[in-house]
PDB file of N, CA and C in Angstrom:
ATOM      1  N   MET A   1     -39.492-102.266  -4.670  1.00  0.00           N
ATOM      2  CA  MET A   1     -38.978-100.970  -4.239  1.00  0.00           C
ATOM      3  C   MET A   1     -37.802-101.318  -3.248  1.00  0.00           C
ATOM      4  N   GLY A   2     -37.060-100.246  -2.923  1.00  0.00           N
ATOM      5  CA  GLY A   2     -35.954-100.345  -2.008  1.00  0.00           C
ATOM      6  C   GLY A   2     -34.698-100.484  -2.705  1.00  0.00           C
ATOM      7  N   ASP A   3     -34.576-100.102  -3.955  1.00  0.00           N
ATOM      8  CA  ASP A   3     -33.311-100.093  -4.620  1.00  0.00           C
ATOM      9  C   ASP A   3     -32.347 -99.058  -4.170  1.00  0.00           C
ATOM     10  N   GLY A   4     -32.824 -98.166  -3.358  1.00  0.00           N
ATOM     11  CA  GLY A   4     -32.001 -97.100  -2.864  1.00  0.00           C
ATOM     12  C   GLY A   4     -32.144 -95.840  -3.722  1.00  0.00           C
ATOM     13  N   ASP A   5     -31.307 -95.723  -4.784  1.00  0.00           N
ATOM     14  CA  ASP A   5     -31.190 -94.442  -5.469  1.00  0.00           C
ATOM     15  C   ASP A   5     -31.502 -94.675  -6.975  1.00  0.00           C
ATOM     16  N   ARG A   6     -32.437 -93.911  -7.524  1.00  0.00           N
ATOM     17  CA  ARG A   6     -32.715 -93.860  -8.914  1.00  0.00           C
ATOM     18  C   ARG A   6     -32.525 -92.448  -9.443  1.00  0.00           C
ATOM     19  N   ARG A   7     -31.632 -92.262 -10.345  1.00  0.00           N
ATOM     20  CA  ARG A   7     -31.427 -90.913 -10.912  1.00  0.00           C
ATOM     21  C   ARG A   7     -32.294 -90.783 -12.157  1.00  0.00           C
ATOM     22  N   ASP A   8     -33.113 -89.774 -12.164  1.00  0.00           N
ATOM     23  CA  ASP A   8     -34.004 -89.470 -13.374  1.00  0.00           C
ATOM     24  C   ASP A   8     -33.461 -88.268 -14.145  1.00  0.00           C
ATOM     25  N   THR A   9     -34.001 -87.099 -13.844  1.00  0.00           N
ATOM     26  CA  THR A   9     -33.642 -85.952 -14.772  1.00  0.00           C
ATOM     27  C   THR A   9     -33.002 -84.816 -13.929  1.00  0.00           C
ATOM     28  N   ALA A  10     -32.399 -85.087 -12.725  1.00  0.00           N
ATOM     29  CA  ALA A  10     -31.729 -84.033 -12.001  1.00  0.00           C
ATOM     30  C   ALA A  10     -30.545 -83.583 -12.768  1.00  0.00           C
ATOM     31  N   GLY A  11     -30.261 -82.305 -12.631  1.00  0.00           N
ATOM     32  CA  GLY A  11     -29.105 -81.717 -13.349  1.00  0.00           C
ATOM     33  C   GLY A  11     -28.487 -80.564 -12.677  1.00  0.00           C
ATOM     34  N   PRO A  12     -27.549 -79.888 -13.403  1.00  0.00           N
ATOM     35  CA  PRO A  12     -26.865 -78.748 -12.811  1.00  0.00           C
ATOM     36  C   PRO A  12     -27.848 -77.656 -12.411  1.00  0.00           C
ATOM     37  N   GLY A  13     -27.577 -77.019 -11.307  1.00  0.00           N
ATOM     38  CA  GLY A  13     -28.448 -75.931 -10.877  1.00  0.00           C
ATOM     39  C   GLY A  13     -29.678 -76.449 -10.135  1.00  0.00           C
ATOM     40  N   ASP A  14     -29.640 -77.766  -9.817  1.00  0.00           N
ATOM     41  CA  ASP A  14     -30.784 -78.398  -9.202  1.00  0.00           C
ATOM     42  C   ASP A  14     -30.842 -77.890  -7.709  1.00  0.00           C
ATOM     43  N   PRO A  15     -31.999 -77.249  -7.272  1.00  0.00           N
ATOM     44  CA  PRO A  15     -32.069 -76.680  -5.921  1.00  0.00           C
ATOM     45  C   PRO A  15     -31.929 -77.647  -4.817  1.00  0.00           C
ATOM     46  N   LEU A  16     -32.202 -78.964  -5.061  1.00  0.00           N
ATOM     47  CA  LEU A  16     -32.147 -79.923  -3.968  1.00  0.00           C
ATOM     48  C   LEU A  16     -30.884 -80.750  -4.071  1.00  0.00           C
ATOM     49  N   GLY A  17     -29.895 -80.462  -4.912  1.00  0.00           N
ATOM     50  CA  GLY A  17     -28.671 -81.168  -5.020  1.00  0.00           C
ATOM     51  C   GLY A  17     -27.884 -81.145  -3.714  1.00  0.00           C
ATOM     52  N   ALA A  18     -28.012 -80.146  -2.920  1.00  0.00           N
ATOM     53  CA  ALA A  18     -27.257 -80.045  -1.679  1.00  0.00           C
ATOM     54  C   ALA A  18     -27.704 -81.056  -0.619  1.00  0.00           C
ATOM     55  N   VAL A  19     -28.861 -81.549  -0.776  1.00  0.00           N
ATOM     56  CA  VAL A  19     -29.368 -82.617   0.235  1.00  0.00           C
ATOM     57  C   VAL A  19     -29.417 -83.999  -0.333  1.00  0.00           C
ATOM     58  N   ASP A  20     -28.925 -84.134  -1.575  1.00  0.00           N
ATOM     59  CA  ASP A  20     -28.992 -85.492  -2.175  1.00  0.00           C
ATOM     60  C   ASP A  20     -28.253 -86.592  -1.415  1.00  0.00           C
ATOM     61  N   ALA A  21     -27.138 -86.231  -0.860  1.00  0.00           N
ATOM     62  CA  ALA A  21     -26.317 -87.271  -0.147  1.00  0.00           C
ATOM     63  C   ALA A  21     -27.130 -87.702   1.093  1.00  0.00           C
ATOM     64  N   SER A  22     -27.724 -86.771   1.850  1.00  0.00           N
ATOM     65  CA  SER A  22     -28.602 -87.141   3.048  1.00  0.00           C
ATOM     66  C   SER A  22     -29.755 -87.945   2.564  1.00  0.00           C
ATOM     67  N   LEU A  23     -30.394 -87.561   1.476  1.00  0.00           N
ATOM     68  CA  LEU A  23     -31.534 -88.322   1.016  1.00  0.00           C
ATOM     69  C   LEU A  23     -31.160 -89.725   0.601  1.00  0.00           C
ATOM     70  N   THR A  24     -30.044 -89.873  -0.053  1.00  0.00           N
ATOM     71  CA  THR A  24     -29.545 -91.240  -0.511  1.00  0.00           C
ATOM     72  C   THR A  24     -29.343 -92.123   0.732  1.00  0.00           C
ATOM     73  N   ILE A  25     -28.684 -91.605   1.764  1.00  0.00           N
ATOM     74  CA  ILE A  25     -28.434 -92.327   2.957  1.00  0.00           C
ATOM     75  C   ILE A  25     -29.788 -92.787   3.599  1.00  0.00           C
ATOM     76  N   PHE A  26     -30.670 -91.813   3.697  1.00  0.00           N
ATOM     77  CA  PHE A  26     -31.919 -92.087   4.330  1.00  0.00           C
ATOM     78  C   PHE A  26     -32.766 -93.184   3.520  1.00  0.00           C
ATOM     79  N   ALA A  27     -32.737 -93.009   2.248  1.00  0.00           N
ATOM     80  CA  ALA A  27     -33.410 -94.028   1.378  1.00  0.00           C
ATOM     81  C   ALA A  27     -32.831 -95.434   1.547  1.00  0.00           C
ATOM     82  N   LEU A  28     -31.474 -95.499   1.565  1.00  0.00           N
ATOM     83  CA  LEU A  28     -30.869 -96.810   1.644  1.00  0.00           C
ATOM     84  C   LEU A  28     -31.178 -97.435   3.029  1.00  0.00           C
ATOM     85  N   ALA A  29     -31.106 -96.563   4.057  1.00  0.00           N
ATOM     86  CA  ALA A  29     -31.333 -97.049   5.458  1.00  0.00           C
ATOM     87  C   ALA A  29     -32.671 -97.543   5.733  1.00  0.00           C
ATOM     88  N   ASN A  30     -33.694 -97.054   4.866  1.00  0.00           N
ATOM     89  CA  ASN A  30     -35.101 -97.373   5.062  1.00  0.00           C
ATOM     90  C   ASN A  30     -35.693 -98.169   3.951  1.00  0.00           C
ATOM     91  N   GLY A  31     -34.960 -98.723   3.103  1.00  0.00           N
ATOM     92  CA  GLY A  31     -35.463 -99.586   1.989  1.00  0.00           C
ATOM     93  C   GLY A  31     -36.354 -98.868   1.017  1.00  0.00           C
ATOM     94  N   MET A  32     -35.982 -97.615   0.755  1.00  0.00           N
ATOM     95  CA  MET A  32     -36.809 -96.730  -0.163  1.00  0.00           C
ATOM     96  C   MET A  32     -36.078 -96.561  -1.513  1.00  0.00           C
ATOM     97  N   ASP A  33     -36.908 -96.107  -2.434  1.00  0.00           N
ATOM     98  CA  ASP A  33     -36.311 -95.605  -3.696  1.00  0.00           C
ATOM     99  C   ASP A  33     -36.269 -94.112  -3.604  1.00  0.00           C
ATOM    100  N   LEU A  34     -35.226 -93.483  -4.207  1.00  0.00           N
ATOM    101  CA  LEU A  34     -35.063 -92.053  -4.307  1.00  0.00           C
ATOM    102  C   LEU A  34     -35.182 -91.673  -5.753  1.00  0.00           C
ATOM    103  N   VAL A  35     -36.195 -90.936  -6.073  1.00  0.00           N
ATOM    104  CA  VAL A  35     -36.349 -90.444  -7.458  1.00  0.00           C
ATOM    105  C   VAL A  35     -36.048 -88.972  -7.509  1.00  0.00           C
ATOM    106  N   ARG A  36     -35.115 -88.595  -8.404  1.00  0.00           N
ATOM    107  CA  ARG A  36     -34.655 -87.274  -8.494  1.00  0.00           C
ATOM    108  C   ARG A  36     -35.245 -86.656  -9.769  1.00  0.00           C
ATOM    109  N   GLU A  37     -35.887 -85.447  -9.595  1.00  0.00           N
ATOM    110  CA  GLU A  37     -36.402 -84.684 -10.722  1.00  0.00           C
ATOM    111  C   GLU A  37     -35.723 -83.328 -10.657  1.00  0.00           C
ATOM    112  N   PRO A  38     -35.944 -82.490 -11.692  1.00  0.00           N
ATOM    113  CA  PRO A  38     -35.204 -81.177 -11.670  1.00  0.00           C
ATOM    114  C   PRO A  38     -35.513 -80.337 -10.561  1.00  0.00           C
ATOM    115  N   ALA A  39     -36.741 -80.340 -10.084  1.00  0.00           N
ATOM    116  CA  ALA A  39     -37.106 -79.373  -8.967  1.00  0.00           C
ATOM    117  C   ALA A  39     -37.782 -80.154  -7.751  1.00  0.00           C
ATOM    118  N   ALA A  40     -37.550 -81.423  -7.668  1.00  0.00           N
ATOM    119  CA  ALA A  40     -38.201 -82.230  -6.598  1.00  0.00           C
ATOM    120  C   ALA A  40     -37.409 -83.503  -6.364  1.00  0.00           C
ATOM    121  N   ARG A  41     -37.679 -84.060  -5.210  1.00  0.00           N
ATOM    122  CA  ARG A  41     -37.263 -85.440  -4.872  1.00  0.00           C
ATOM    123  C   ARG A  41     -38.403 -86.204  -4.312  1.00  0.00           C
ATOM    124  N   ARG A  42     -38.463 -87.506  -4.607  1.00  0.00           N
ATOM    125  CA  ARG A  42     -39.403 -88.350  -3.987  1.00  0.00           C
ATOM    126  C   ARG A  42     -38.703 -89.575  -3.403  1.00  0.00           C
ATOM    127  N   LEU A  43     -39.081 -89.806  -2.143  1.00  0.00           N
ATOM    128  CA  LEU A  43     -38.695 -91.094  -1.481  1.00  0.00           C
ATOM    129  C   LEU A  43     -39.953 -91.946  -1.580  1.00  0.00           C
ATOM    130  N   GLU A  44     -39.813 -93.203  -2.120  1.00  0.00           N
ATOM    131  CA  GLU A  44     -40.923 -94.104  -2.268  1.00  0.00           C
ATOM    132  C   GLU A  44     -40.725 -95.460  -1.680  1.00  0.00           C
ATOM    133  N   TRP A  45     -41.781 -96.067  -1.196  1.00  0.00           N
ATOM    134  CA  TRP A  45     -41.754 -97.397  -0.593  1.00  0.00           C
ATOM    135  C   TRP A  45     -43.166 -97.992  -0.667  1.00  0.00           C
ATOM    136  N   TYR A  46     -43.297 -99.241  -0.388  1.00  0.00           N
ATOM    137  CA  TYR A  46     -44.555 -99.931  -0.411  1.00  0.00           C
ATOM    138  C   TYR A  46     -44.780-100.501   1.017  1.00  0.00           C
ATOM    139  N   ARG A  47     -46.086-100.259   1.522  1.00  0.00           N
ATOM    140  CA  ARG A  47     -46.404-100.802   2.773  1.00  0.00           C
ATOM    141  C   ARG A  47     -47.902-100.979   2.921  1.00  0.00           C
ATOM    142  N   ASP A  48     -48.362-102.038   3.455  1.00  0.00           N
ATOM    143  CA  ASP A  48     -49.763-102.333   3.686  1.00  0.00           C
ATOM    144  C   ASP A  48     -50.693-102.102   2.562  1.00  0.00           C
ATOM    145  N   GLY A  49     -50.280-102.577   1.369  1.00  0.00           N
ATOM    146  CA  GLY A  49     -51.067-102.505   0.197  1.00  0.00           C
ATOM    147  C   GLY A  49     -51.061-101.156  -0.581  1.00  0.00           C
ATOM    148  N   LEU A  50     -50.290-100.260  -0.108  1.00  0.00           N
ATOM    149  CA  LEU A  50     -50.262 -98.927  -0.772  1.00  0.00           C
ATOM    150  C   LEU A  50     -48.814 -98.508  -1.029  1.00  0.00           C
ATOM    151  N   ASP A  51     -48.648 -97.775  -2.165  1.00  0.00           N
ATOM    152  CA  ASP A  51     -47.352 -97.029  -2.346  1.00  0.00           C
ATOM    153  C   ASP A  51     -47.371 -95.863  -1.471  1.00  0.00           C
ATOM    154  N   ARG A  52     -46.244 -95.542  -0.968  1.00  0.00           N
ATOM    155  CA  ARG A  52     -46.150 -94.430  -0.025  1.00  0.00           C
ATOM    156  C   ARG A  52     -44.913 -93.538  -0.411  1.00  0.00           C
ATOM    157  N   GLY A  53     -44.952 -92.316  -0.066  1.00  0.00           N
ATOM    158  CA  GLY A  53     -43.781 -91.484  -0.376  1.00  0.00           C
ATOM    159  C   GLY A  53     -43.730 -90.269   0.376  1.00  0.00           C
ATOM    160  N   ILE A  54     -42.571 -89.592   0.206  1.00  0.00           N
ATOM    161  CA  ILE A  54     -42.367 -88.281   0.692  1.00  0.00           C
ATOM    162  C   ILE A  54     -41.883 -87.392  -0.461  1.00  0.00           C
ATOM    163  N   LEU A  55     -42.661 -86.382  -0.832  1.00  0.00           N
ATOM    164  CA  LEU A  55     -42.332 -85.464  -1.860  1.00  0.00           C
ATOM    165  C   LEU A  55     -41.655 -84.273  -1.283  1.00  0.00           C
ATOM    166  N   LEU A  56     -40.484 -83.918  -1.811  1.00  0.00           N
ATOM    167  CA  LEU A  56     -39.694 -82.768  -1.308  1.00  0.00           C
ATOM    168  C   LEU A  56     -39.585 -81.756  -2.505  1.00  0.00           C
ATOM    169  N   GLU A  57     -39.944 -80.537  -2.205  1.00  0.00           N
ATOM    170  CA  GLU A  57     -39.834 -79.467  -3.217  1.00  0.00           C
ATOM    171  C   GLU A  57     -39.356 -78.219  -2.486  1.00  0.00           C
ATOM    172  N   VAL A  58     -38.604 -77.363  -3.262  1.00  0.00           N
ATOM    173  CA  VAL A  58     -38.181 -76.105  -2.696  1.00  0.00           C
ATOM    174  C   VAL A  58     -39.247 -75.003  -3.003  1.00  0.00           C
ATOM    175  N   GLY A  59     -39.693 -74.359  -2.001  1.00  0.00           N
ATOM    176  CA  GLY A  59     -40.703 -73.319  -2.174  1.00  0.00           C
ATOM    177  C   GLY A  59     -40.059 -71.966  -2.555  1.00  0.00           C
ATOM    178  N   PRO A  60     -40.814 -70.941  -2.852  1.00  0.00           N
ATOM    179  CA  PRO A  60     -40.287 -69.646  -3.232  1.00  0.00           C
ATOM    180  C   PRO A  60     -39.485 -69.003  -2.107  1.00  0.00           C
ATOM    181  N   ASN A  61     -39.671 -69.378  -0.866  1.00  0.00           N
ATOM    182  CA  ASN A  61     -38.954 -68.824   0.216  1.00  0.00           C
ATOM    183  C   ASN A  61     -37.642 -69.602   0.503  1.00  0.00           C
ATOM    184  N   GLY A  62     -37.262 -70.507  -0.345  1.00  0.00           N
ATOM    185  CA  GLY A  62     -36.060 -71.325  -0.171  1.00  0.00           C
ATOM    186  C   GLY A  62     -36.109 -72.387   0.796  1.00  0.00           C
ATOM    187  N   ARG A  63     -37.311 -72.619   1.425  1.00  0.00           N
ATOM    188  CA  ARG A  63     -37.433 -73.806   2.376  1.00  0.00           C
ATOM    189  C   ARG A  63     -37.905 -74.993   1.660  1.00  0.00           C
ATOM    190  N   ILE A  64     -37.493 -76.137   2.185  1.00  0.00           N
ATOM    191  CA  ILE A  64     -37.944 -77.408   1.552  1.00  0.00           C
ATOM    192  C   ILE A  64     -39.280 -77.813   2.158  1.00  0.00           C
ATOM    193  N   GLN A  65     -40.294 -77.963   1.220  1.00  0.00           N
ATOM    194  CA  GLN A  65     -41.623 -78.401   1.633  1.00  0.00           C
ATOM    195  C   GLN A  65     -41.739 -79.871   1.432  1.00  0.00           C
ATOM    196  N   ALA A  66     -42.068 -80.559   2.498  1.00  0.00           N
ATOM    197  CA  ALA A  66     -42.262 -82.034   2.408  1.00  0.00           C
ATOM    198  C   ALA A  66     -43.770 -82.329   2.516  1.00  0.00           C
ATOM    199  N   THR A  67     -44.192 -83.281   1.674  1.00  0.00           N
ATOM    200  CA  THR A  67     -45.505 -83.771   1.651  1.00  0.00           C
ATOM    201  C   THR A  67     -45.534 -85.287   1.756  1.00  0.00           C
ATOM    202  N   ALA A  68     -46.192 -85.844   2.780  1.00  0.00           N
ATOM    203  CA  ALA A  68     -46.356 -87.280   2.898  1.00  0.00           C
ATOM    204  C   ALA A  68     -47.478 -87.739   2.015  1.00  0.00           C
ATOM    205  N   LEU A  69     -47.278 -88.890   1.253  1.00  0.00           N
ATOM    206  CA  LEU A  69     -48.214 -89.338   0.394  1.00  0.00           C
ATOM    207  C   LEU A  69     -48.528 -90.836   0.478  1.00  0.00           C
ATOM    208  N   ALA A  70     -49.731 -91.268   0.068  1.00  0.00           N
ATOM    209  CA  ALA A  70     -50.098 -92.665  -0.008  1.00  0.00           C
ATOM    210  C   ALA A  70     -51.045 -92.821  -1.152  1.00  0.00           C
ATOM    211  N   TRP A  71     -50.808 -93.797  -1.957  1.00  0.00           N
ATOM    212  CA  TRP A  71     -51.697 -94.033  -3.184  1.00  0.00           C
ATOM    213  C   TRP A  71     -51.659 -95.511  -3.504  1.00  0.00           C
ATOM    214  N   ASN A  72     -52.757 -95.916  -4.300  1.00  0.00           N
ATOM    215  CA  ASN A  72     -52.819 -97.238  -4.838  1.00  0.00           C
ATOM    216  C   ASN A  72     -52.548 -97.189  -6.285  1.00  0.00           C
ATOM    217  N   ARG A  73     -51.460 -97.898  -6.660  1.00  0.00           N
ATOM    218  CA  ARG A  73     -51.069 -97.839  -8.087  1.00  0.00           C
ATOM    219  C   ARG A  73     -52.109 -98.492  -9.028  1.00  0.00           C
ATOM    220  N   GLU A  74     -53.024 -99.263  -8.484  1.00  0.00           N
ATOM    221  CA  GLU A  74     -54.061 -99.880  -9.254  1.00  0.00           C
ATOM    222  C   GLU A  74     -55.173 -98.853  -9.589  1.00  0.00           C
ATOM    223  N   GLU A  75     -55.144 -97.719  -8.907  1.00  0.00           N
ATOM    224  CA  GLU A  75     -56.151 -96.726  -9.169  1.00  0.00           C
ATOM    225  C   GLU A  75     -55.422 -95.394  -9.473  1.00  0.00           C
ATOM    226  N   PRO A  76     -54.822 -95.260 -10.692  1.00  0.00           N
ATOM    227  CA  PRO A  76     -54.022 -94.129 -11.060  1.00  0.00           C
ATOM    228  C   PRO A  76     -54.866 -92.763 -11.175  1.00  0.00           C
ATOM    229  N   ASP A  77     -56.092 -92.920 -11.322  1.00  0.00           N
ATOM    230  CA  ASP A  77     -56.989 -91.740 -11.474  1.00  0.00           C
ATOM    231  C   ASP A  77     -57.446 -91.137 -10.083  1.00  0.00           C
ATOM    232  N   VAL A  78     -57.129 -91.895  -9.034  1.00  0.00           N
ATOM    233  CA  VAL A  78     -57.553 -91.456  -7.650  1.00  0.00           C
ATOM    234  C   VAL A  78     -56.428 -90.559  -7.139  1.00  0.00           C
ATOM    235  N   THR A  79     -56.704 -89.463  -6.642  1.00  0.00           N
ATOM    236  CA  THR A  79     -55.789 -88.461  -6.032  1.00  0.00           C
ATOM    237  C   THR A  79     -55.163 -89.143  -4.817  1.00  0.00           C
ATOM    238  N   PRO A  80     -53.834 -89.098  -4.691  1.00  0.00           N
ATOM    239  CA  PRO A  80     -53.203 -89.663  -3.518  1.00  0.00           C
ATOM    240  C   PRO A  80     -53.626 -88.978  -2.239  1.00  0.00           C
ATOM    241  N   ARG A  81     -53.751 -89.675  -1.206  1.00  0.00           N
ATOM    242  CA  ARG A  81     -53.913 -89.051   0.132  1.00  0.00           C
ATOM    243  C   ARG A  81     -52.564 -88.344   0.464  1.00  0.00           C
ATOM    244  N   SER A  82     -52.656 -87.220   1.124  1.00  0.00           N
ATOM    245  CA  SER A  82     -51.497 -86.432   1.406  1.00  0.00           C
ATOM    246  C   SER A  82     -51.569 -85.681   2.705  1.00  0.00           C
ATOM    247  N   ARG A  83     -50.408 -85.306   3.234  1.00  0.00           N
ATOM    248  CA  ARG A  83     -50.338 -84.487   4.416  1.00  0.00           C
ATOM    249  C   ARG A  83     -49.069 -83.626   4.281  1.00  0.00           C
ATOM    250  N   ARG A  84     -49.318 -82.312   4.275  1.00  0.00           N
ATOM    251  CA  ARG A  84     -48.187 -81.399   4.194  1.00  0.00           C
ATOM    252  C   ARG A  84     -47.497 -81.321   5.591  1.00  0.00           C
ATOM    253  N   LEU A  85     -46.196 -81.363   5.611  1.00  0.00           N
ATOM    254  CA  LEU A  85     -45.407 -81.220   6.794  1.00  0.00           C
ATOM    255  C   LEU A  85     -44.760 -79.866   6.919  1.00  0.00           C
ATOM    256  N   ASP A  86     -44.207 -79.558   8.120  1.00  0.00           N
ATOM    257  CA  ASP A  86     -43.601 -78.325   8.325  1.00  0.00           C
ATOM    258  C   ASP A  86     -42.441 -78.179   7.422  1.00  0.00           C
ATOM    259  N   PRO A  87     -42.266 -77.042   6.797  1.00  0.00           N
ATOM    260  CA  PRO A  87     -41.106 -76.880   5.901  1.00  0.00           C
ATOM    261  C   PRO A  87     -39.761 -76.715   6.725  1.00  0.00           C
ATOM    262  N   VAL A  88     -38.740 -77.034   6.066  1.00  0.00           N
ATOM    263  CA  VAL A  88     -37.387 -76.891   6.723  1.00  0.00           C
ATOM    264  C   VAL A  88     -36.541 -76.056   5.844  1.00  0.00           C
ATOM    265  N   PRO A  89     -35.509 -75.393   6.354  1.00  0.00           N
ATOM    266  CA  PRO A  89     -34.578 -74.639   5.545  1.00  0.00           C
ATOM    267  C   PRO A  89     -33.813 -75.501   4.615  1.00  0.00           C
ATOM    268  N   ALA A  90     -33.525 -74.980   3.364  1.00  0.00           N
ATOM    269  CA  ALA A  90     -32.805 -75.712   2.401  1.00  0.00           C
ATOM    270  C   ALA A  90     -31.365 -76.062   2.829  1.00  0.00           C
ATOM    271  N   ASP A  91     -30.787 -75.209   3.754  1.00  0.00           N
ATOM    272  CA  ASP A  91     -29.454 -75.415   4.201  1.00  0.00           C
ATOM    273  C   ASP A  91     -29.435 -76.163   5.590  1.00  0.00           C
ATOM    274  N   VAL A  92     -30.491 -76.864   5.888  1.00  0.00           N
ATOM    275  CA  VAL A  92     -30.649 -77.546   7.204  1.00  0.00           C
ATOM    276  C   VAL A  92     -29.451 -78.577   7.362  1.00  0.00           C
ATOM    277  N   PRO A  93     -29.010 -78.725   8.574  1.00  0.00           N
ATOM    278  CA  PRO A  93     -27.989 -79.737   8.775  1.00  0.00           C
ATOM    279  C   PRO A  93     -28.629 -81.179   8.557  1.00  0.00           C
ATOM    280  N   ALA A  94     -27.772 -82.154   8.253  1.00  0.00           N
ATOM    281  CA  ALA A  94     -28.201 -83.476   7.900  1.00  0.00           C
ATOM    282  C   ALA A  94     -29.044 -84.107   9.062  1.00  0.00           C
ATOM    283  N   ARG A  95     -28.642 -83.893  10.227  1.00  0.00           N
ATOM    284  CA  ARG A  95     -29.453 -84.453  11.375  1.00  0.00           C
ATOM    285  C   ARG A  95     -30.842 -83.899  11.456  1.00  0.00           C
ATOM    286  N   ALA A  96     -31.032 -82.602  11.222  1.00  0.00           N
ATOM    287  CA  ALA A  96     -32.364 -81.970  11.233  1.00  0.00           C
ATOM    288  C   ALA A  96     -33.116 -82.495  10.028  1.00  0.00           C
ATOM    289  N   LEU A  97     -32.499 -82.715   8.896  1.00  0.00           N
ATOM    290  CA  LEU A  97     -33.239 -83.196   7.761  1.00  0.00           C
ATOM    291  C   LEU A  97     -33.732 -84.590   7.987  1.00  0.00           C
ATOM    292  N   THR A  98     -32.843 -85.421   8.598  1.00  0.00           N
ATOM    293  CA  THR A  98     -33.222 -86.837   8.918  1.00  0.00           C
ATOM    294  C   THR A  98     -34.439 -86.833   9.849  1.00  0.00           C
ATOM    295  N   ALA A  99     -34.470 -85.895  10.859  1.00  0.00           N
ATOM    296  CA  ALA A  99     -35.605 -85.844  11.747  1.00  0.00           C
ATOM    297  C   ALA A  99     -36.906 -85.493  10.930  1.00  0.00           C
ATOM    298  N   ALA A 100     -36.778 -84.494  10.000  1.00  0.00           N
ATOM    299  CA  ALA A 100     -38.005 -84.143   9.207  1.00  0.00           C
ATOM    300  C   ALA A 100     -38.405 -85.420   8.360  1.00  0.00           C
ATOM    301  N   LEU A 101     -37.453 -86.081   7.772  1.00  0.00           N
ATOM    302  CA  LEU A 101     -37.794 -87.286   6.970  1.00  0.00           C
ATOM    303  C   LEU A 101     -38.396 -88.390   7.805  1.00  0.00           C
ATOM    304  N   ASP A 102     -37.933 -88.555   9.053  1.00  0.00           N
ATOM    305  CA  ASP A 102     -38.576 -89.496   9.948  1.00  0.00           C
ATOM    306  C   ASP A 102     -40.041 -89.182  10.190  1.00  0.00           C
ATOM    307  N   GLU A 103     -40.327 -87.866  10.358  1.00  0.00           N
ATOM    308  CA  GLU A 103     -41.702 -87.429  10.515  1.00  0.00           C
ATOM    309  C   GLU A 103     -42.506 -87.768   9.309  1.00  0.00           C
ATOM    310  N   GLY A 104     -41.886 -87.479   8.124  1.00  0.00           N
ATOM    311  CA  GLY A 104     -42.567 -87.796   6.843  1.00  0.00           C
ATOM    312  C   GLY A 104     -42.788 -89.243   6.682  1.00  0.00           C
ATOM    313  N   LEU A 105     -41.917 -90.132   7.109  1.00  0.00           N
ATOM    314  CA  LEU A 105     -42.097 -91.597   7.017  1.00  0.00           C
ATOM    315  C   LEU A 105     -43.253 -91.970   7.938  1.00  0.00           C
ATOM    316  N   ARG A 106     -43.333 -91.423   9.167  1.00  0.00           N
ATOM    317  CA  ARG A 106     -44.441 -91.848  10.070  1.00  0.00           C
ATOM    318  C   ARG A 106     -45.805 -91.276   9.453  1.00  0.00           C
ATOM    319  N   ALA A 107     -45.769 -90.101   8.921  1.00  0.00           N
ATOM    320  CA  ALA A 107     -47.005 -89.503   8.381  1.00  0.00           C
ATOM    321  C   ALA A 107     -47.524 -90.311   7.177  1.00  0.00           C
ATOM    322  N   ALA A 108     -46.625 -90.685   6.300  1.00  0.00           N
ATOM    323  CA  ALA A 108     -47.058 -91.422   5.100  1.00  0.00           C
ATOM    324  C   ALA A 108     -47.536 -92.831   5.471  1.00  0.00           C
ATOM    325  N   ASN A 109     -46.878 -93.463   6.416  1.00  0.00           N
ATOM    326  CA  ASN A 109     -47.335 -94.741   6.852  1.00  0.00           C
ATOM    327  C   ASN A 109     -48.711 -94.726   7.528  1.00  0.00           C
ATOM    328  N   ALA A 110     -49.023 -93.553   8.096  1.00  0.00           N
ATOM    329  CA  ALA A 110     -50.308 -93.376   8.788  1.00  0.00           C
ATOM    330  C   ALA A 110     -51.469 -93.051   7.868  1.00  0.00           C
ATOM    331  N   LEU A 111     -51.190 -92.693   6.621  1.00  0.00           N
ATOM    332  CA  LEU A 111     -52.255 -92.305   5.665  1.00  0.00           C
ATOM    333  C   LEU A 111     -53.011 -93.479   5.218  1.00  0.00           C
TER     334      LEU A 111
END
């Protein structure tokens, strides 16, 4: 892990496209992979024997919902441990988004 940026299936009209640049910078600065999907983003890394991540999705209210995750890839049938974080506005400034991602990083590492 730690390749920085992986583009999967994101495309035009992607609701998280506006924050991609900030997510890419955060991923590179923290040795994470960024996985782009049509309606979500995942920052992923490996620590202390578990895969960890931050899942970002846009809710119906237009706010970005972040969920911290931890899972064991050797046990794919086991539901990942998770913790929902406080949502942030989709048009949040880069500095505020970075603060929210820092919280997600700490939360995922604590799972």
